[in-house]
């Protein structure tokens, strides 16, 4: 799984690719609350205190100056240690950290010496830059001994990329949607689209759940984000037959819904 990379609860020391969520049968996974926002004004007026709205449309108007406030909101809401929030928040902050390398030292400084800042650890590791590594090393130096050792081990390992990560649970899709919200990149959306055909897998409920979650989330976010809809329309031209059928049905439904308005 991607997103909950910090090793705990029996997964200590394992590489990110091998950590599988215990919630593989979740269909309404955490990115639902982060991505399906009905209030259109959120695009213009959201602030870090309105964390979900702020994240959902960040890619349209990036505001790195507000990141410290967003991290404070994460802390105030207890999300650093909330398992359900780990994947989408890690995906989101990975891309924000990657885009703002010179600000990382300032952003993470308030959390030095505070244990269990799991999202920070995972996002800095996944950002995989010289600056993010330095920031993670600073957190490791200030951390309690056991956590410091775990962070040192994490720093020494190589993180996967969006292209190479293993999608072993719906939480991996959460990570990818978080990455999209921060960057607007097509890469995470295309990886999610590639999982849709898994819904047709016979005899493997876990794999079918990943496919179903992918299909639902792409459909929902195509309705909410014009950027996602544009990516889907382009992908349908080159998709494999199974995926093409699913995307064509999705686009047809969306067109019909909009025609009624």
Protein backbone atom coordinates (compact mmCIF):
# COMPACT_ATOMS: atom_id res chain seq x y z
CA UNK A 1 0.00 0.00 0.00
CA UNK A 2 1.10 3.56 -0.54
CA UNK A 3 0.35 6.32 1.88
CA UNK A 4 0.69 4.51 5.17
CA UNK A 5 4.39 3.87 4.71
CA UNK A 6 5.46 4.54 8.26
CA UNK A 7 6.23 1.09 9.71
CA UNK A 8 4.06 0.16 12.66
CA UNK A 9 1.48 -2.41 13.77
CA UNK A 10 3.51 -5.38 12.60
CA UNK A 11 4.87 -3.87 9.38
CA UNK A 12 8.05 -2.39 10.82
CA UNK A 13 10.97 -2.42 8.44
CA UNK A 14 9.05 -3.63 5.40
CA UNK A 15 9.36 -1.67 2.14
CA UNK A 16 6.41 0.46 1.11
CA UNK A 17 5.49 -1.85 -1.77
CA UNK A 18 4.89 -4.79 0.57
CA UNK A 19 2.67 -3.08 3.15
CA UNK A 20 -0.95 -4.07 2.55
CA UNK A 21 -3.84 -2.31 4.26
CA UNK A 22 -6.08 -4.19 6.65
CA UNK A 23 -9.02 -2.39 5.06
CA UNK A 24 -8.92 -3.97 1.62
CA UNK A 25 -12.66 -4.47 1.62
CA UNK A 26 -13.47 -0.78 2.04
CA UNK A 27 -15.43 0.62 -0.88
CA UNK A 28 -16.22 4.04 0.56
CA UNK A 29 -12.59 4.80 1.26
CA UNK A 30 -11.19 8.03 2.65
CA UNK A 31 -10.75 9.92 -0.62
CA UNK A 32 -14.55 10.16 -0.83
CA UNK A 33 -14.64 12.82 1.85
CA UNK A 34 -11.65 14.60 0.39
CA UNK A 35 -12.73 14.68 -3.25
CA UNK A 36 -16.51 14.88 -3.48
CA UNK A 37 -17.23 18.48 -2.52
CA UNK A 38 -20.51 19.90 -3.76
CA UNK A 39 -19.88 23.57 -2.92
CA UNK A 40 -18.49 25.22 -6.05
CA UNK A 41 -17.36 28.28 -4.09
CA UNK A 42 -14.80 26.11 -2.32
CA UNK A 43 -12.49 26.62 -5.28
CA UNK A 44 -12.12 30.32 -4.48
CA UNK A 45 -12.71 30.63 -0.75
CA UNK A 46 -11.31 27.55 0.94
CA UNK A 47 -8.57 27.99 3.54
CA UNK A 48 -6.39 25.47 5.38
CA UNK A 49 -8.89 25.50 8.24
CA UNK A 50 -11.35 24.03 5.71
CA UNK A 51 -8.86 21.30 4.94
CA UNK A 52 -10.95 19.11 2.62
CA UNK A 53 -12.03 21.97 0.36
CA UNK A 54 -8.55 23.49 0.35
CA UNK A 55 -6.97 20.22 -0.72
CA UNK A 56 -9.60 19.32 -3.31
CA UNK A 57 -8.88 22.26 -5.59
CA UNK A 58 -5.31 23.08 -4.62
CA UNK A 59 -4.00 22.15 -8.07
CA UNK A 60 -6.05 24.93 -9.67
CA UNK A 61 -4.56 27.69 -7.51
CA UNK A 62 -1.49 26.42 -5.61
CA UNK A 63 -0.90 28.43 -2.43
CA UNK A 64 2.29 27.18 -0.78
CA UNK A 65 2.16 30.06 1.72
CA UNK A 66 -0.86 28.34 3.25
CA UNK A 67 0.84 24.96 3.72
CA UNK A 68 1.94 25.66 7.33
CA UNK A 69 -1.70 26.40 8.18
CA UNK A 70 -2.79 23.20 6.45
CA UNK A 71 -0.27 21.13 8.41
CA UNK A 72 -1.54 22.75 11.61
CA UNK A 73 -5.09 21.81 10.62
CA UNK A 74 -3.91 18.23 10.09
CA UNK A 75 -2.43 18.24 13.58
CA UNK A 76 -5.44 19.96 15.19
CA UNK A 77 -7.82 17.41 13.65
CA UNK A 78 -5.70 14.48 14.83
CA UNK A 79 -5.05 13.31 11.29
CA UNK A 80 -1.33 12.63 11.67
CA UNK A 81 -2.25 9.42 13.47
CA UNK A 82 -5.55 8.67 11.71
CA UNK A 83 -5.02 5.56 9.58
CA UNK A 84 -7.88 6.44 7.21
CA UNK A 85 -6.28 9.79 6.38
CA UNK A 86 -2.73 8.57 5.87
CA UNK A 87 -2.88 7.67 2.18
CA UNK A 88 -4.61 10.71 0.63
CA UNK A 89 -2.74 13.19 2.83
CA UNK A 90 0.59 11.53 2.09
CA UNK A 91 -0.09 11.65 -1.64
CA UNK A 92 -1.10 15.29 -1.40
CA UNK A 93 1.84 16.51 0.67
CA UNK A 94 4.33 14.45 -1.33
CA UNK A 95 3.54 16.52 -4.40
CA UNK A 96 3.44 19.81 -2.47
CA UNK A 97 6.80 19.04 -0.88
CA UNK A 98 8.28 18.07 -4.23
CA UNK A 99 7.11 21.35 -5.78
CA UNK A 100 8.48 23.52 -2.95
CA UNK A 101 11.86 22.07 -1.95
CA UNK A 102 13.27 25.28 -0.49
CA UNK A 103 10.41 25.65 1.97
CA UNK A 104 10.63 22.20 3.56
CA UNK A 105 12.98 23.07 6.41
CA UNK A 106 10.67 25.89 7.50
CA UNK A 107 7.53 23.75 7.15
CA UNK A 108 8.72 20.76 9.16
CA UNK A 109 10.60 22.66 11.88
CA UNK A 110 7.54 22.99 14.19
CA UNK A 111 7.21 19.19 14.25
CA UNK A 112 10.79 18.32 15.16
CA UNK A 113 10.79 16.28 18.36
CA UNK A 114 7.05 15.57 18.19
CA UNK A 115 6.56 11.81 17.67
CA UNK A 116 4.17 10.06 15.33
CA UNK A 117 4.10 12.66 12.54
CA UNK A 118 3.56 9.77 10.13
CA UNK A 119 2.24 11.78 7.18
CA UNK A 120 5.27 14.07 7.27
CA UNK A 121 7.65 11.12 7.34
CA UNK A 122 5.96 9.34 4.46
CA UNK A 123 5.50 12.43 2.29
CA UNK A 124 9.10 13.61 2.74
CA UNK A 125 10.36 10.12 1.87
CA UNK A 126 8.13 9.81 -1.19
CA UNK A 127 9.09 13.31 -2.39
CA UNK A 128 12.57 11.83 -2.83
CA UNK A 129 14.58 15.03 -3.25
CA UNK A 130 17.78 16.32 -1.67
CA UNK A 131 15.77 18.83 0.35
CA UNK A 132 13.13 16.35 1.49
CA UNK A 133 15.83 13.91 2.59
CA UNK A 134 17.54 16.66 4.58
CA UNK A 135 14.24 17.60 6.23
CA UNK A 136 13.57 13.97 7.10
CA UNK A 137 17.06 13.64 8.56
CA UNK A 138 16.35 16.68 10.75
CA UNK A 139 13.19 15.04 12.06
CA UNK A 140 15.11 11.82 12.68
CA UNK A 141 17.74 13.61 14.78
CA UNK A 142 15.07 15.18 16.98
CA UNK A 143 12.89 12.07 17.28
CA UNK A 144 12.82 9.65 20.25
CA UNK A 145 15.43 6.85 19.88
CA UNK A 146 13.15 4.12 18.51
CA UNK A 147 11.44 6.41 16.03
CA UNK A 148 14.79 7.92 15.05
CA UNK A 149 16.05 4.46 14.12
CA UNK A 150 12.96 3.75 12.05
CA UNK A 151 13.32 7.06 10.23
CA UNK A 152 16.98 6.37 9.53
CA UNK A 153 16.02 3.03 8.01
CA UNK A 154 13.33 4.72 5.93
CA UNK A 155 15.79 7.32 4.63
CA UNK A 156 18.15 4.54 3.55
CA UNK A 157 15.47 2.86 1.41
CA UNK A 158 14.35 3.92 -2.05
CA UNK A 159 10.69 4.95 -2.46
CA UNK A 160 8.61 3.92 -5.46
CA UNK A 161 7.21 6.39 -7.96
CA UNK A 162 3.64 6.77 -9.16
CA UNK A 163 4.58 4.66 -12.17
CA UNK A 164 6.20 1.84 -10.16
CA UNK A 165 4.13 1.69 -6.96
CA UNK A 166 2.15 -1.47 -6.30
CA UNK A 167 -1.61 -0.92 -6.07
CA UNK A 168 -2.60 -3.55 -3.54
CA UNK A 169 -5.56 -1.89 -1.84
CA UNK A 170 -8.04 0.97 -2.19
CA UNK A 171 -5.70 3.02 0.03
CA UNK A 172 -3.26 3.11 -2.88
CA UNK A 173 -5.97 4.83 -4.91
CA UNK A 174 -6.40 7.31 -2.04
CA UNK A 175 -2.71 8.13 -2.35
CA UNK A 176 -3.02 8.71 -6.09
CA UNK A 177 -6.05 10.98 -5.72
CA UNK A 178 -4.18 12.96 -3.09
CA UNK A 179 -1.31 13.37 -5.54
CA UNK A 180 -3.72 14.57 -8.21
CA UNK A 181 -5.31 17.15 -5.92
CA UNK A 182 -1.92 18.70 -5.25
CA UNK A 183 -0.53 18.62 -8.78
CA UNK A 184 -3.33 18.26 -11.32
CA UNK A 185 -1.07 15.71 -13.04
CA UNK A 186 -2.57 13.10 -15.32
CA UNK A 187 -0.13 10.39 -14.15
CA UNK A 188 -1.98 9.38 -10.94
CA UNK A 189 -5.36 9.51 -12.69
CA UNK A 190 -4.13 7.27 -15.50
CA UNK A 191 -2.85 4.71 -12.98
CA UNK A 192 -6.26 4.67 -11.32
CA UNK A 193 -8.00 4.28 -14.68
CA UNK A 194 -5.76 1.28 -15.39
CA UNK A 195 -7.23 -0.48 -12.34
CA UNK A 196 -10.86 -0.22 -13.48
CA UNK A 197 -10.85 -3.48 -15.43
CA UNK A 198 -9.98 -5.34 -12.22
CA UNK A 199 -13.66 -5.09 -11.30
CA UNK A 200 -14.20 -7.96 -13.76
CA UNK A 201 -11.78 -10.28 -11.96
CA UNK A 202 -13.47 -13.54 -11.05
CA UNK A 203 -12.85 -15.30 -7.75
CA UNK A 204 -10.75 -12.57 -6.14
CA UNK A 205 -12.86 -10.26 -4.01
CA UNK A 206 -9.96 -8.05 -2.93
CA UNK A 207 -8.91 -7.37 -6.52
CA UNK A 208 -12.51 -6.76 -7.57
CA UNK A 209 -12.81 -4.19 -4.76
CA UNK A 210 -9.83 -2.28 -6.09
CA UNK A 211 -11.39 -2.24 -9.56
CA UNK A 212 -14.75 -1.15 -8.18
CA UNK A 213 -13.20 1.59 -6.08
CA UNK A 214 -11.21 2.80 -9.08
CA UNK A 215 -14.30 2.88 -11.30
CA UNK A 216 -16.41 4.68 -8.71
CA UNK A 217 -13.76 7.28 -7.90
CA UNK A 218 -12.96 8.06 -11.55
CA UNK A 219 -16.66 8.44 -12.27
CA UNK A 220 -17.27 10.70 -9.27
CA UNK A 221 -14.28 12.89 -9.91
CA UNK A 222 -14.96 13.19 -13.64
CA UNK A 223 -18.20 14.85 -12.58
CA UNK A 224 -16.46 17.09 -10.06
CA UNK A 225 -13.23 17.99 -11.87
CA UNK A 226 -13.09 19.09 -15.50
CA UNK A 227 -9.43 18.16 -15.48
CA UNK A 228 -10.26 14.53 -14.64
CA UNK A 229 -12.99 14.47 -17.29
CA UNK A 230 -10.51 15.70 -19.89
CA UNK A 231 -8.05 12.96 -18.93
CA UNK A 232 -10.78 10.31 -19.21
CA UNK A 233 -11.84 11.55 -22.66
CA UNK A 234 -8.26 11.35 -23.90
CA UNK A 235 -7.66 7.93 -22.38
CA UNK A 236 -10.71 6.35 -23.99
CA UNK A 237 -8.96 6.69 -27.34
CA UNK A 238 -6.07 4.43 -26.33
CA UNK A 239 -7.53 2.22 -23.59
CA UNK A 240 -7.64 -1.55 -23.73
CA UNK A 241 -11.05 -2.99 -24.74
CA UNK A 242 -12.33 -3.66 -21.21
CA UNK A 243 -11.34 -0.25 -19.91
CA UNK A 244 -12.65 1.47 -23.04
CA UNK A 245 -16.13 0.03 -22.53
CA UNK A 246 -16.18 1.22 -18.92
CA UNK A 247 -14.98 4.71 -19.81
CA UNK A 248 -17.41 5.07 -22.69
CA UNK A 249 -20.29 4.14 -20.38
CA UNK A 250 -19.01 6.63 -17.81
CA UNK A 251 -18.80 9.43 -20.35
CA UNK A 252 -22.22 8.60 -21.76
CA UNK A 253 -23.78 8.79 -18.29
CA UNK A 254 -22.12 12.11 -17.55
CA UNK A 255 -23.25 13.57 -20.89
CA UNK A 256 -26.81 12.43 -20.23
CA UNK A 257 -26.80 13.96 -16.75
CA UNK A 258 -25.52 17.28 -18.03
CA UNK A 259 -28.10 17.32 -20.83
CA UNK A 260 -30.84 17.23 -18.22
CA UNK A 261 -29.58 20.33 -16.43
